[in-house]
Amino acid sequence: MMPIVVDASVLSAPKSGVGVYLSELLARLTTEFAHDFALTLRPEPATEKGPGSLSRKGTGEDFGAKRDRGAIRGLVRRVPGAYAARQVAIGWPPTKALFWGTNFVLPPKWLARGKTVVSVHDLLFVEHREWADKTRGAFLRRALPGTLDRADAIIVSTARTKRTLVDRYGSDLTDRTYVVANGIRTLGDTAPDPNARAVVCIGNIELRKDPMCLLDAHRALPPHVRREHPLIFAGGALDDAYAAAFARALDPPHARWLGTIDDATLAELLRSARVLVTPTRAEGFGIVPLEALAAGVAVLASDIAVTRELAGDLPSYFPPGDVAALTALLGAALERPRTPSDAERQALRRRYDWNAVAARHAEIFRTLS
């Protein structure tokens, strides 16, 4: 049995896309592959939320505690050597087992003494510094070159990320970098409602995701269309100033923001959606439009390379940030939504299957035994 130490720090934070990734894989690696790998989580998660859970504290969250945790993370990211010191303080002993850095970074060699694997989910903090959190982005830009040098295997979720990684950090990474697309979840009974009316947008409220573009496009529709097809946003506030401006721009009941949601609410939103819109200007992977398409919902997406790679021609595309183009496309889609066929939905589920993703990770781990 192969011992693997897993960086599970992301499971202690409010659940993000990386948290979904790790939760889904751990659920399978500890069951289907229980006889192959002995997994040790560092640190041990405080609570068990179940595979793939998006359970997060919503409007009742203690924001003072959230700010305190953010301040600690910021301090760790700014002070040289503090990251490694923190791992020791929270119980990471040195190990010769295979170490899996699940969230962009590997610990120093004296902590991870054996073979290492790192998951690099995107390079947005390198390509788009203007949209990245300043402290986190600076930390990742400092830490990534050393991590790539030490990594025996690098896992990325798109071919585009691999190309960017090799172009920026060296062709010697080519053979060590594996493209393994993420999976998508079946969020309960998400069969589309033929009478669904809502325009839905699911994603964090931040400049990179550009929810203002959709808000402006929806506002430009005729009043009777807006009344018949209300706009619903769901997602956390990553940028307080941007989120405050966004909240002021809303005009309920025509447009409203639910904040963070759990999986049950996400499934309900997909059932209520006549169209789902993803106006993002840049993305590392983008699970939401794939899950919406697999649920039979028509998707309007900004025309960025990663969405083209993952979803092909299934969405209807508009130029990123183009309010007029999105307004026209949205008006047409509300009259006649372009929904994926049953065959296309099944093909998406086969292509982005978490069981296959876990099996591919297991293959990579075995090559390092």
Protein backbone atom coordinates (compact mmCIF):
# COMPACT_ATOMS: atom_id res chain seq x y z
CA MET A 1 0.00 0.00 0.00
CA MET A 2 1.42 3.36 -1.06
CA PRO A 3 1.50 6.06 1.67
CA ILE A 4 0.46 9.53 0.51
CA VAL A 5 0.46 12.70 2.60
CA VAL A 6 -2.18 15.15 1.34
CA ASP A 7 -2.20 18.90 1.87
CA ALA A 8 -5.80 19.25 3.07
CA SER A 9 -5.55 22.88 4.21
CA VAL A 10 -8.15 23.95 1.66
CA LEU A 11 -10.77 21.83 3.47
CA SER A 12 -10.46 24.08 6.52
CA ALA A 13 -11.38 27.20 4.52
CA PRO A 14 -14.76 28.22 3.04
CA LYS A 15 -15.32 25.74 0.20
CA SER A 16 -13.98 26.88 -3.16
CA GLY A 17 -13.51 25.17 -6.51
CA VAL A 18 -10.25 23.69 -5.19
CA GLY A 19 -12.16 22.42 -2.16
CA VAL A 20 -14.69 20.69 -4.43
CA TYR A 21 -11.80 19.17 -6.40
CA LEU A 22 -10.13 17.75 -3.31
CA SER A 23 -13.37 16.60 -1.64
CA GLU A 24 -14.50 14.73 -4.73
CA LEU A 25 -11.13 13.02 -5.17
CA LEU A 26 -10.72 12.09 -1.50
CA ALA A 27 -14.19 10.53 -1.51
CA ARG A 28 -13.03 8.16 -4.26
CA LEU A 29 -9.38 7.63 -3.31
CA THR A 30 -10.48 6.51 0.17
CA THR A 31 -13.07 4.06 -1.19
CA GLU A 32 -12.38 2.72 -4.68
CA PHE A 33 -8.61 2.96 -4.13
CA ALA A 34 -8.51 2.19 -0.39
CA HIS A 35 -6.35 -0.93 -1.00
CA ASP A 36 -3.84 1.01 -3.10
CA PHE A 37 -3.17 4.14 -1.06
CA ALA A 38 -2.94 5.05 2.61
CA LEU A 39 -3.86 8.72 2.77
CA THR A 40 -2.84 10.99 5.63
CA LEU A 41 -4.37 14.48 5.65
CA ARG A 42 -2.34 17.47 6.84
CA PRO A 43 -3.88 19.14 8.73
CA GLU A 44 -6.67 16.81 9.82
CA PRO A 45 -9.97 18.47 8.77
CA ALA A 46 -11.97 19.68 11.76
CA THR A 47 -15.31 18.50 10.34
CA GLU A 48 -16.41 16.14 7.62
CA LYS A 49 -18.69 17.82 5.08
CA GLY A 50 -19.08 14.95 2.63
CA PRO A 51 -17.85 14.54 -0.94
CA GLY A 52 -18.03 17.58 -3.13
CA SER A 53 -19.99 19.62 -0.62
CA LEU A 54 -20.25 23.32 -1.32
CA SER A 55 -21.55 23.89 2.19
CA ARG A 56 -20.44 27.31 3.33
CA LYS A 57 -21.54 29.87 5.85
CA GLY A 58 -23.72 32.44 4.15
CA THR A 59 -25.10 35.75 5.28
CA GLY A 60 -24.86 34.70 8.94
CA GLU A 61 -21.10 34.12 8.82
CA ASP A 62 -18.99 35.76 11.50
CA PHE A 63 -17.18 38.22 9.26
CA GLY A 64 -14.93 39.30 12.12
CA ALA A 65 -13.61 35.75 12.37
CA LYS A 66 -13.33 35.63 8.58
CA ARG A 67 -11.21 38.80 8.61
CA ASP A 68 -9.03 37.35 11.39
CA ARG A 69 -8.37 34.19 9.40
CA GLY A 70 -7.65 36.28 6.31
CA ALA A 71 -5.18 38.42 8.26
CA ILE A 72 -3.33 35.32 9.48
CA ARG A 73 -3.16 33.89 5.96
CA GLY A 74 -1.93 37.26 4.67
CA LEU A 75 0.82 37.38 7.29
CA VAL A 76 1.92 33.83 6.46
CA ARG A 77 2.06 34.70 2.77
CA ARG A 78 4.07 37.90 3.26
CA VAL A 79 6.78 36.73 5.67
CA PRO A 80 9.53 34.54 4.12
CA GLY A 81 9.63 31.12 5.77
CA ALA A 82 6.33 31.65 7.61
CA TYR A 83 4.46 29.19 5.38
CA ALA A 84 6.76 26.31 6.27
CA ALA A 85 6.79 27.34 9.95
CA ARG A 86 2.99 27.29 10.01
CA GLN A 87 2.87 23.77 8.58
CA VAL A 88 5.13 22.54 11.38
CA ALA A 89 3.05 24.40 13.97
CA ILE A 90 -0.19 22.75 12.84
CA GLY A 91 1.30 19.27 12.85
CA TRP A 92 3.10 18.55 9.62
CA PRO A 93 6.04 16.29 10.51
CA PRO A 94 8.70 15.68 7.86
CA THR A 95 7.73 12.75 5.64
CA LYS A 96 9.28 10.46 3.05
CA ALA A 97 5.86 9.39 1.78
CA LEU A 98 4.58 10.72 -1.53
CA PHE A 99 3.43 14.27 -0.84
CA TRP A 100 0.48 15.71 -2.79
CA GLY A 101 0.33 19.50 -2.80
CA THR A 102 -3.30 19.97 -3.74
CA ASN A 103 -3.37 23.77 -3.85
CA PHE A 104 -0.52 25.16 -6.01
CA VAL A 105 2.33 24.91 -3.47
CA LEU A 106 4.72 22.25 -2.13
CA PRO A 107 6.36 22.55 1.28
CA PRO A 108 10.17 22.83 1.44
CA LYS A 109 12.27 19.75 0.76
CA TRP A 110 13.02 19.17 4.45
CA LEU A 111 9.28 18.67 5.08
CA ALA A 112 8.45 16.67 1.93
CA ARG A 113 11.50 14.42 1.57
CA GLY A 114 10.07 11.88 -0.86
CA LYS A 115 8.41 12.10 -4.24
CA THR A 116 6.02 15.02 -4.77
CA VAL A 117 2.94 15.85 -6.85
CA VAL A 118 1.43 19.33 -7.11
CA SER A 119 -1.92 20.40 -8.53
CA VAL A 120 -1.72 23.77 -10.31
CA HIS A 121 -5.31 24.76 -11.00
CA ASP A 122 -4.64 27.89 -13.04
CA LEU A 123 -2.09 30.61 -13.68
CA LEU A 124 -4.44 33.58 -13.37
CA PHE A 125 -2.27 35.08 -10.64
CA VAL A 126 0.56 35.24 -13.21
CA GLU A 127 -1.41 36.13 -16.35
CA HIS A 128 -3.81 38.61 -14.74
CA ARG A 129 -2.14 40.20 -11.75
CA GLU A 130 -4.67 43.02 -11.82
CA TRP A 131 -7.48 40.63 -10.84
CA ALA A 132 -5.61 38.51 -8.30
CA ASP A 133 -5.61 39.14 -4.57
CA LYS A 134 -2.39 41.11 -4.12
CA THR A 135 -1.03 39.18 -1.14
CA ARG A 136 -2.04 35.72 -2.36
CA GLY A 137 -0.91 36.46 -5.91
CA ALA A 138 2.51 37.69 -4.79
CA PHE A 139 2.92 34.63 -2.54
CA LEU A 140 2.05 32.19 -5.33
CA ARG A 141 4.32 33.95 -7.83
CA ARG A 142 7.22 33.60 -5.35
CA ALA A 143 6.42 30.01 -4.38
CA LEU A 144 5.55 28.50 -7.77
CA PRO A 145 9.01 28.37 -9.42
CA GLY A 146 10.50 26.44 -6.49
CA THR A 147 7.46 24.18 -6.34
CA LEU A 148 7.78 23.35 -10.04
CA ASP A 149 11.50 22.62 -9.63
CA ARG A 150 10.80 20.17 -6.77
CA ALA A 151 7.71 18.51 -8.24
CA ASP A 152 8.09 15.03 -9.72
CA ALA A 153 4.63 15.38 -11.29
CA ILE A 154 2.44 18.42 -11.98
CA ILE A 155 -1.31 18.08 -12.53
CA VAL A 156 -3.23 20.77 -14.42
CA SER A 157 -6.87 20.79 -15.49
CA THR A 158 -6.63 22.18 -19.04
CA ALA A 159 -4.32 21.97 -22.01
CA ARG A 160 -4.23 25.76 -22.03
CA THR A 161 -2.77 25.85 -18.50
CA LYS A 162 -0.11 23.32 -19.50
CA ARG A 163 0.90 25.41 -22.52
CA THR A 164 1.14 28.53 -20.39
CA LEU A 165 3.10 26.72 -17.70
CA VAL A 166 5.64 25.36 -20.19
CA ASP A 167 5.94 28.68 -22.03
CA ARG A 168 6.58 30.65 -18.84
CA TYR A 169 8.60 28.22 -16.73
CA GLY A 170 10.47 26.02 -19.18
CA SER A 171 10.10 23.15 -21.65
CA ASP A 172 11.62 20.75 -19.11
CA LEU A 173 8.18 20.72 -17.44
CA THR A 174 6.49 19.16 -20.48
CA ASP A 175 6.99 15.52 -19.59
CA ARG A 176 6.24 16.06 -15.89
CA THR A 177 2.96 17.90 -16.49
CA TYR A 178 -0.27 15.92 -16.86
CA VAL A 179 -3.57 17.36 -18.08
CA VAL A 180 -6.45 15.91 -16.06
CA ALA A 181 -9.73 17.76 -16.48
CA ASN A 182 -11.92 18.14 -13.41
CA GLY A 183 -15.22 16.34 -13.10
CA ILE A 184 -18.71 17.72 -12.79
CA ARG A 185 -21.32 16.83 -10.20
CA THR A 186 -24.86 15.59 -10.61
CA LEU A 187 -26.66 17.98 -8.30
CA GLY A 188 -29.72 15.94 -7.46
CA ASP A 189 -32.61 15.92 -9.89
CA THR A 190 -31.66 18.85 -12.08
CA ALA A 191 -33.90 18.04 -15.04
CA PRO A 192 -34.72 21.42 -16.62
CA ASP A 193 -38.16 22.89 -16.03
CA PRO A 194 -39.72 23.81 -19.40
CA ASN A 195 -41.43 26.72 -17.66
CA ALA A 196 -38.24 28.06 -16.07
CA ARG A 197 -37.94 31.83 -16.38
CA ALA A 198 -34.88 33.06 -14.48
CA VAL A 199 -31.56 34.34 -15.78
CA VAL A 200 -28.98 32.80 -13.44
CA CYS A 201 -25.33 33.65 -12.80
CA ILE A 202 -23.27 31.60 -10.34
CA GLY A 203 -19.80 32.79 -9.37
CA ASN A 204 -17.92 34.97 -6.94
CA ILE A 205 -18.66 38.68 -7.02
CA GLU A 206 -15.37 40.13 -8.25
CA LEU A 207 -14.04 42.10 -11.19
CA ARG A 208 -12.64 39.05 -12.99
CA LYS A 209 -16.05 37.36 -13.05
CA ASP A 210 -17.59 40.62 -14.35
CA PRO A 211 -21.15 40.28 -13.00
CA MET A 212 -21.65 44.01 -13.72
CA CYS A 213 -21.56 43.23 -17.45
CA LEU A 214 -24.53 40.89 -17.05
CA LEU A 215 -26.33 43.29 -14.73
CA ASP A 216 -26.00 46.07 -17.31
CA ALA A 217 -27.10 43.78 -20.15
CA HIS A 218 -30.17 42.64 -18.23
CA ARG A 219 -31.03 46.25 -17.35
CA ALA A 220 -30.95 47.11 -21.09
CA LEU A 221 -33.73 44.60 -21.85
CA PRO A 222 -37.32 45.88 -22.24
CA PRO A 223 -39.07 46.28 -18.85
CA HIS A 224 -41.62 43.53 -19.52
CA VAL A 225 -38.80 41.07 -20.36
CA ARG A 226 -36.99 41.91 -17.14
CA ARG A 227 -40.17 41.35 -15.13
CA GLU A 228 -40.79 38.00 -16.81
CA HIS A 229 -37.14 36.87 -16.57
CA PRO A 230 -35.60 38.08 -13.28
CA LEU A 231 -31.85 37.97 -12.86
CA ILE A 232 -30.47 35.95 -9.94
CA PHE A 233 -26.82 36.00 -8.82
CA ALA A 234 -25.26 33.52 -6.39
CA GLY A 235 -21.70 33.63 -5.08
CA GLY A 236 -19.47 35.01 -2.39
CA ALA A 237 -17.92 38.47 -2.22
CA LEU A 238 -14.18 38.23 -2.91
CA ASP A 239 -13.65 41.97 -3.28
CA ASP A 240 -15.49 44.00 -0.64
CA ALA A 241 -15.39 47.31 -2.55
CA TYR A 242 -16.53 45.74 -5.82
CA ALA A 243 -19.25 43.76 -4.03
CA ALA A 244 -20.54 46.91 -2.33
CA ALA A 245 -20.79 48.73 -5.66
CA PHE A 246 -22.44 45.69 -7.19
CA ALA A 247 -25.00 45.49 -4.38
CA ARG A 248 -25.89 49.16 -4.84
CA ALA A 249 -26.45 48.59 -8.56
CA LEU A 250 -28.99 45.81 -8.04
CA ASP A 251 -32.66 46.66 -8.46
CA PRO A 252 -34.73 43.89 -6.86
CA PRO A 253 -36.97 42.16 -7.73
CA HIS A 254 -35.61 42.48 -11.29
CA ALA A 255 -32.07 41.57 -10.15
CA ARG A 256 -31.03 40.12 -6.79
CA TRP A 257 -28.01 38.50 -5.16
CA LEU A 258 -28.37 35.44 -2.92
CA GLY A 259 -24.80 35.36 -1.58
CA THR A 260 -23.10 31.99 -1.08
CA ILE A 261 -25.27 28.90 -1.51
CA ASP A 262 -25.18 25.18 -0.82
CA ASP A 263 -25.57 22.37 -3.34
CA ALA A 264 -29.31 21.99 -2.79
CA THR A 265 -29.88 25.67 -3.59
CA LEU A 266 -27.58 25.40 -6.59
CA ALA A 267 -29.67 22.51 -7.93
CA GLU A 268 -32.85 24.56 -7.40
CA LEU A 269 -31.33 27.50 -9.27
CA LEU A 270 -30.43 25.32 -12.23
CA ARG A 271 -33.99 23.99 -12.33
CA SER A 272 -35.34 27.55 -12.31
CA ALA A 273 -32.95 28.81 -15.01
CA ARG A 274 -34.10 29.57 -18.51
CA VAL A 275 -30.48 30.49 -19.23
CA LEU A 276 -27.28 30.52 -17.22
CA VAL A 277 -24.79 33.27 -18.03
CA THR A 278 -21.05 33.22 -17.27
CA PRO A 279 -19.62 36.67 -18.10
CA THR A 280 -16.14 35.91 -16.68
CA ARG A 281 -13.13 37.57 -18.31
CA ALA A 282 -10.70 34.80 -17.34
CA GLU A 283 -11.04 31.34 -15.83
CA GLY A 284 -8.86 28.47 -14.71
CA PHE A 285 -11.42 25.75 -15.43
CA GLY A 286 -15.05 26.78 -14.91
CA ILE A 287 -17.21 23.94 -13.56
CA VAL A 288 -20.51 25.85 -13.37
CA PRO A 289 -21.28 26.17 -17.12
CA LEU A 290 -20.41 22.49 -17.62
CA GLU A 291 -22.71 21.44 -14.78
CA ALA A 292 -25.47 23.67 -16.15
CA LEU A 293 -25.12 22.19 -19.65
CA ALA A 294 -25.14 18.67 -18.20
CA ALA A 295 -28.38 19.59 -16.40
CA GLY A 296 -29.94 20.69 -19.69
CA VAL A 297 -29.74 24.45 -19.17
CA ALA A 298 -28.92 26.83 -22.03
CA VAL A 299 -25.60 28.62 -21.36
CA LEU A 300 -24.37 32.00 -22.56
CA ALA A 301 -20.63 32.32 -22.01
CA SER A 302 -17.94 34.90 -22.56
CA ASP A 303 -15.74 33.77 -25.42
CA ILE A 304 -12.54 32.78 -23.62
CA ALA A 305 -10.15 29.99 -24.60
CA VAL A 306 -10.71 27.76 -21.60
CA THR A 307 -14.49 27.61 -22.07
CA ARG A 308 -14.04 26.83 -25.76
CA GLU A 309 -11.65 24.01 -24.80
CA LEU A 310 -14.00 22.48 -22.24
CA ALA A 311 -17.49 23.13 -23.62
CA GLY A 312 -16.92 23.45 -27.36
CA ASP A 313 -19.89 24.81 -29.27
CA LEU A 314 -22.53 23.94 -26.67
CA PRO A 315 -22.74 27.47 -25.17
CA SER A 316 -23.67 30.58 -27.09
CA TYR A 317 -20.72 32.98 -26.92
CA PHE A 318 -20.29 36.75 -26.63
CA PRO A 319 -17.11 38.88 -26.45
CA PRO A 320 -15.98 39.35 -22.82
CA GLY A 321 -17.18 42.64 -21.38
CA ASP A 322 -19.39 43.49 -24.39
CA VAL A 323 -22.65 44.62 -22.82
CA ALA A 324 -24.40 45.32 -26.13
CA ALA A 325 -23.52 41.90 -27.55
CA LEU A 326 -24.66 40.17 -24.37
CA THR A 327 -27.92 42.15 -24.33
CA ALA A 328 -28.74 41.03 -27.88
CA LEU A 329 -27.74 37.42 -27.20
CA LEU A 330 -29.67 37.32 -23.93
CA GLY A 331 -32.83 38.71 -25.51
CA ALA A 332 -32.71 36.08 -28.26
CA ALA A 333 -31.91 33.26 -25.82
CA LEU A 334 -34.83 34.11 -23.56
CA GLU A 335 -37.19 33.79 -26.52
CA ARG A 336 -35.61 30.58 -27.83
CA PRO A 337 -33.00 29.05 -25.48
CA ARG A 338 -30.47 26.74 -27.09
CA THR A 339 -30.51 23.77 -24.71
CA PRO A 340 -28.20 20.77 -25.08
CA SER A 341 -29.69 17.51 -26.31
CA ASP A 342 -29.88 14.41 -24.10
CA ALA A 343 -26.99 12.90 -26.06
CA GLU A 344 -24.85 16.01 -25.51
CA ARG A 345 -25.67 16.00 -21.80
CA GLN A 346 -24.67 12.37 -21.44
CA ALA A 347 -21.45 12.97 -23.38
CA LEU A 348 -20.51 15.79 -20.98
CA ARG A 349 -21.12 13.56 -17.97
CA ARG A 350 -18.95 10.82 -19.44
CA ARG A 351 -16.17 13.24 -20.36
CA TYR A 352 -16.12 14.99 -16.97
CA ASP A 353 -16.62 12.04 -14.64
CA TRP A 354 -15.08 12.31 -11.15
CA ASN A 355 -14.48 8.56 -11.02
CA ALA A 356 -12.32 8.80 -14.14
CA VAL A 357 -10.54 11.85 -12.70
CA ALA A 358 -9.70 9.90 -9.54
CA ALA A 359 -8.48 6.93 -11.59
CA ARG A 360 -6.17 9.20 -13.58
CA HIS A 361 -4.73 10.72 -10.39
CA ALA A 362 -4.15 7.19 -9.08
CA GLU A 363 -2.23 6.32 -12.25
CA ILE A 364 0.02 9.34 -11.78
CA PHE A 365 0.64 8.49 -8.13
CA ARG A 366 1.61 4.93 -9.09
CA THR A 367 4.21 6.14 -11.59
CA LEU A 368 6.08 7.68 -8.64
CA SER A 369 6.10 4.61 -6.41
